Protein backbone atom coordinates (compact mmCIF):
# COMPACT_ATOMS: atom_id res chain seq x y z
CA MET A 1 -42.85 24.18 17.23
CA SER A 2 -45.25 26.88 16.08
CA ASP A 3 -48.46 26.01 14.28
CA TRP A 4 -48.94 26.84 10.62
CA ASP A 5 -49.55 30.37 9.42
CA ALA A 6 -52.75 29.06 7.90
CA ALA A 7 -53.97 32.27 6.26
CA ARG A 8 -50.64 32.58 4.48
CA TYR A 9 -50.66 28.91 3.51
CA HIS A 10 -54.20 29.25 2.15
CA ARG A 11 -53.00 32.04 -0.13
CA LEU A 12 -49.83 30.24 -1.24
CA SER A 13 -51.01 26.64 -1.66
CA ASP A 14 -51.89 26.69 -5.37
CA PRO A 15 -49.31 23.95 -6.14
CA GLN A 16 -50.84 21.64 -3.53
CA ARG A 17 -54.32 22.39 -4.82
CA ALA A 18 -53.30 21.64 -8.41
CA TRP A 19 -51.82 18.27 -7.43
CA GLY A 20 -54.88 17.53 -5.30
CA LEU A 21 -57.31 18.19 -8.12
CA ARG A 22 -55.62 15.42 -10.12
CA VAL A 23 -56.02 13.08 -7.15
CA LEU A 24 -59.71 14.02 -6.97
CA GLU A 25 -60.07 12.86 -10.57
CA ARG A 26 -58.67 9.48 -9.54
CA LEU A 27 -61.06 9.32 -6.60
CA ALA A 28 -64.15 9.98 -8.77
CA PRO A 29 -66.60 10.12 -5.84
CA ALA A 30 -70.08 8.70 -6.34
CA ALA A 31 -73.32 10.25 -5.14
CA GLY A 32 -74.06 9.68 -1.46
CA GLU A 33 -70.61 8.41 -0.46
CA ARG A 34 -69.01 9.07 2.92
CA ILE A 35 -65.46 10.37 2.37
CA LEU A 36 -62.71 11.29 4.81
CA ASP A 37 -60.12 13.89 3.75
CA ILE A 38 -57.01 13.31 5.90
CA GLY A 39 -54.82 16.39 6.24
CA CYS A 40 -57.44 18.74 4.88
CA GLY A 41 -55.42 21.86 5.69
CA THR A 42 -57.42 25.00 4.97
CA GLY A 43 -60.16 23.00 3.24
CA ARG A 44 -59.64 24.06 -0.37
CA LEU A 45 -59.78 20.48 -1.65
CA THR A 46 -62.31 19.34 0.96
CA ALA A 47 -64.77 21.92 -0.33
CA GLU A 48 -64.03 20.97 -3.94
CA LEU A 49 -64.58 17.31 -3.08
CA ALA A 50 -67.95 18.06 -1.47
CA ARG A 51 -69.12 19.58 -4.78
CA ARG A 52 -68.11 16.63 -6.94
CA ALA A 53 -71.30 14.55 -6.55
CA PRO A 54 -74.74 15.00 -4.98
CA GLY A 55 -75.31 13.92 -1.40
CA LEU A 56 -71.68 13.44 -0.43
CA PHE A 57 -70.86 13.41 3.28
CA VAL A 58 -67.33 14.78 3.54
CA VAL A 59 -65.25 15.09 6.69
CA GLY A 60 -61.99 17.04 6.67
CA LEU A 61 -59.46 16.10 9.34
CA ASP A 62 -56.29 17.91 10.36
CA ARG A 63 -54.07 18.08 13.46
CA SER A 64 -53.39 21.81 12.97
CA ALA A 65 -55.81 24.06 14.85
CA THR A 66 -54.91 27.08 12.74
CA MET A 67 -55.51 25.17 9.50
CA LEU A 68 -58.93 24.08 10.71
CA GLY A 69 -59.79 27.60 11.79
CA GLU A 70 -59.06 28.81 8.29
CA ALA A 71 -61.04 25.91 6.79
CA LEU A 72 -64.07 26.78 8.91
CA ARG A 73 -63.78 30.45 8.00
CA HIS A 74 -63.85 29.71 4.27
CA PHE A 75 -65.81 26.46 3.93
CA GLY A 76 -67.64 25.77 7.19
CA ASP A 77 -70.97 25.51 5.41
CA GLY A 78 -69.83 22.88 2.88
CA ALA A 79 -68.13 20.16 4.95
CA GLN A 80 -67.53 18.86 8.45
CA PHE A 81 -64.10 19.43 10.01
CA VAL A 82 -62.44 17.47 12.81
CA HIS A 83 -59.30 18.24 14.85
CA ALA A 84 -57.40 14.93 15.18
CA ASP A 85 -54.27 12.96 14.33
CA ALA A 86 -54.17 10.86 11.16
CA ALA A 87 -52.51 8.02 13.10
CA ALA A 88 -55.33 7.93 15.68
CA LEU A 89 -58.55 8.42 13.75
CA PRO A 90 -61.51 9.21 16.04
CA PHE A 91 -64.15 7.33 14.04
CA ARG A 92 -66.08 4.08 14.33
CA GLY A 93 -68.46 4.25 11.43
CA PRO A 94 -67.14 3.20 8.02
CA PHE A 95 -66.19 5.51 5.18
CA ASP A 96 -66.53 4.64 1.51
CA ALA A 97 -63.24 6.32 0.71
CA VAL A 98 -60.25 8.02 2.29
CA PHE A 99 -58.70 10.85 0.30
CA SER A 100 -55.46 12.62 1.17
CA THR A 101 -52.93 14.91 -0.46
CA ALA A 102 -49.66 16.45 0.77
CA THR A 103 -50.06 14.90 4.22
CA PHE A 104 -48.75 11.34 4.67
CA HIS A 105 -45.11 12.52 4.65
CA TRP A 106 -45.91 14.42 7.88
CA VAL A 107 -46.90 11.15 9.61
CA PRO A 108 -43.79 9.24 10.75
CA ASP A 109 -45.52 5.92 11.49
CA HIS A 110 -46.93 4.74 8.16
CA GLU A 111 -47.64 1.27 9.51
CA ARG A 112 -50.03 2.73 12.07
CA LEU A 113 -51.41 5.24 9.57
CA PHE A 114 -52.41 2.57 7.06
CA ALA A 115 -53.85 0.36 9.80
CA GLU A 116 -56.05 3.24 10.98
CA ILE A 117 -57.21 4.01 7.45
CA TYR A 118 -58.02 0.35 6.85
CA ARG A 119 -60.01 0.26 10.09
CA VAL A 120 -62.30 3.17 9.18
CA LEU A 121 -63.04 2.01 5.62
CA ARG A 122 -65.99 -0.22 4.79
CA PRO A 123 -65.23 -3.52 3.02
CA GLY A 124 -64.42 -2.58 -0.55
CA GLY A 125 -63.70 1.01 0.45
CA ARG A 126 -60.83 2.72 -1.27
CA LEU A 127 -57.79 4.79 -0.38
CA VAL A 128 -56.77 7.40 -2.94
CA ALA A 129 -53.88 9.60 -1.87
CA GLN A 130 -50.76 11.50 -2.78
CA ALA A 131 -47.86 12.72 -0.65
CA GLY A 132 -44.27 13.75 -0.94
CA GLY A 133 -42.06 10.72 -1.57
CA GLY A 134 -38.72 9.45 -2.76
CA ALA A 135 -36.29 12.28 -3.48
CA ASN A 136 -38.83 14.97 -2.67
CA LEU A 137 -37.13 18.38 -2.32
CA SER A 138 -33.73 16.68 -2.08
CA ARG A 139 -31.91 19.64 -3.63
CA LEU A 140 -33.47 22.18 -1.27
CA ARG A 141 -32.97 19.90 1.73
CA ALA A 142 -29.28 19.32 0.94
CA ARG A 143 -28.68 23.04 0.57
CA SER A 144 -30.52 23.77 3.79
CA GLU A 145 -28.51 21.13 5.67
CA ALA A 146 -25.27 22.74 4.49
CA ILE A 147 -26.37 26.03 6.03
CA GLN A 148 -27.31 24.29 9.26
CA ARG A 149 -23.70 23.09 9.61
CA GLN A 150 -22.31 26.62 9.46
CA PRO A 151 -21.05 27.95 12.83
CA GLU A 152 -23.73 30.66 12.91
CA PHE A 153 -26.53 28.09 12.82
CA ALA A 154 -25.09 24.79 14.05
CA PRO A 155 -26.03 25.31 17.74
CA TYR A 156 -29.71 25.70 16.82
CA PHE A 157 -29.70 22.40 14.93
CA ALA A 158 -27.77 20.20 17.35
CA ARG A 159 -30.83 17.98 17.85
CA TRP A 160 -32.45 18.54 14.46
CA ARG A 161 -34.20 15.57 12.86
CA GLU A 162 -36.22 15.91 9.69
CA PRO A 163 -39.94 15.72 10.56
CA TRP A 164 -40.87 14.22 7.20
CA ARG A 165 -40.99 10.66 5.94
CA TYR A 166 -40.61 10.63 2.19
CA ALA A 167 -41.43 7.00 1.54
CA GLY A 168 -40.59 4.98 -1.54
CA VAL A 169 -42.70 2.77 -3.77
CA GLU A 170 -41.71 -0.66 -2.51
CA ASP A 171 -41.83 0.11 1.21
CA THR A 172 -45.23 1.78 0.78
CA ARG A 173 -46.60 -1.17 -1.18
CA ALA A 174 -45.33 -3.57 1.51
CA LEU A 175 -46.95 -1.59 4.33
CA LEU A 176 -50.28 -1.33 2.49
CA THR A 177 -50.21 -5.09 1.90
CA ALA A 178 -49.41 -5.74 5.56
CA ALA A 179 -52.37 -3.56 6.58
CA GLY A 180 -54.69 -5.77 4.50
CA PHE A 181 -55.19 -3.66 1.38
CA VAL A 182 -55.58 -5.20 -2.08
CA ASP A 183 -55.55 -3.80 -5.63
CA ILE A 184 -52.57 -1.69 -4.62
CA GLU A 185 -51.01 0.78 -7.04
CA VAL A 186 -48.09 2.94 -5.92
CA GLY A 187 -45.89 5.17 -8.06
CA LEU A 188 -43.59 8.17 -7.95
CA GLU A 189 -43.80 11.11 -10.33
CA PRO A 190 -41.66 14.24 -10.65
CA ALA A 191 -43.52 17.49 -10.03
CA PRO A 192 -41.00 20.34 -10.41
CA THR A 193 -42.65 23.59 -9.41
CA SER A 194 -41.37 26.96 -10.59
CA PHE A 195 -42.14 30.40 -9.17
CA ALA A 196 -42.26 33.70 -10.98
CA ASP A 197 -39.54 35.47 -9.03
CA GLU A 198 -37.44 35.50 -5.88
CA SER A 199 -40.16 37.09 -3.76
CA THR A 200 -42.83 34.46 -4.45
CA TYR A 201 -40.30 31.63 -4.16
CA SER A 202 -38.97 32.98 -0.86
CA GLU A 203 -42.42 33.39 0.69
CA PHE A 204 -43.50 29.89 -0.34
CA VAL A 205 -40.29 28.24 0.89
CA ALA A 206 -40.38 30.06 4.22
CA CYS A 207 -44.04 29.22 4.86
CA VAL A 208 -44.24 25.68 3.47
CA CYS A 209 -40.85 23.97 3.00
CA LEU A 210 -38.58 25.41 5.68
CA ARG A 211 -41.08 26.36 8.38
CA ARG A 212 -39.69 23.86 10.87
CA GLN A 213 -36.10 24.98 10.31
CA LEU A 214 -36.95 28.66 10.68
CA ASP A 215 -38.83 27.88 13.89
CA LEU A 216 -35.51 26.90 15.46
CA ILE A 217 -33.62 30.12 14.83
CA PRO A 218 -34.27 33.71 15.92
CA ALA A 219 -36.42 35.76 13.58
CA ASP A 220 -33.64 38.27 13.00
CA ARG A 221 -31.52 35.48 11.46
CA HIS A 222 -34.13 34.19 9.03
CA GLU A 223 -32.86 36.39 6.23
CA SER A 224 -29.26 35.22 6.62
CA TYR A 225 -30.47 31.59 6.56
CA LEU A 226 -32.60 32.10 3.45
CA ARG A 227 -30.27 34.39 1.49
CA PRO A 228 -27.85 31.72 0.20
CA LEU A 229 -30.78 29.45 -0.68
CA LEU A 230 -32.36 32.20 -2.73
CA ASP A 231 -29.09 32.94 -4.54
CA LEU A 232 -28.65 29.26 -5.43
CA ALA A 233 -32.27 28.99 -6.59
CA ALA A 234 -31.80 32.03 -8.84
CA ALA A 235 -28.93 30.22 -10.60
CA ASP A 236 -30.90 27.01 -11.18
CA GLU A 237 -32.26 26.15 -14.60
CA PRO A 238 -35.09 26.95 -14.59
CA PRO A 239 -34.69 29.44 -11.75
CA PHE A 240 -36.70 29.36 -8.53
CA THR A 241 -37.84 25.78 -9.05
CA LEU A 242 -38.54 23.29 -6.27
CA ASP A 243 -37.71 19.65 -7.02
CA TYR A 244 -40.95 18.10 -5.83
CA TRP A 245 -41.70 14.37 -6.18
CA ARG A 246 -45.18 12.99 -5.54
CA LEU A 247 -45.98 9.50 -4.28
CA ASN A 248 -49.35 8.28 -5.55
CA LEU A 249 -51.24 5.58 -3.64
CA ASP A 250 -54.39 3.71 -4.65
CA ALA A 251 -55.67 0.69 -2.72
CA ARG A 252 -58.87 -1.05 -1.65
CA LYS A 253 -59.98 -2.66 1.60
CA ARG A 254 -60.55 -6.37 1.14
């Protein structure tokens, strides 16, 4: 699979930034804290986090080399960035908090993820995060799967498996409890996101939502894959709206 088109994502990721700013309000960092941002992407929220209180030590972590390159280009003077996997955190020293947005659904093994986060937190340290969950993008995914079954595309998707894990409330709460966390709060909220027109919707969907699918088919067939999705989105009410759901997680290390 190709890596992210990080410069394009940086330009398009206003919805993710808006959700993340609300998560930052929940985090409410205190002066001098050590905070790990898991799945920092191009660093837009990492840099915002670093400005929230004096003396913060903020580390942004991502497994995408292109995302980190973009983060360093824009925000290299305001935070530290590390290339690593969220399910194998390369740290020994404790953090006061772990912050994450729009990332956990990209990690298939949530049991290992939460164990790693618990390990790198100090006693009393907190996890404040948000990811896709529940029925996230179910309408778009169902429509995309219907296209994958068409004869033109079926051979490219013979071994296709969704790379996301959109967890639910109860299974997430159970895994956080098993990892040792206390004061657990988990909830799902709808976050429908509308775009101004077909062009902006198409660019966002191709870069963010359907990147993995488009990776599997020749570039000259991208338009024929996307066209029916765009026509259906135009007929939705409201048009060009993605049916996002966000899973909010708050917990504390015992």
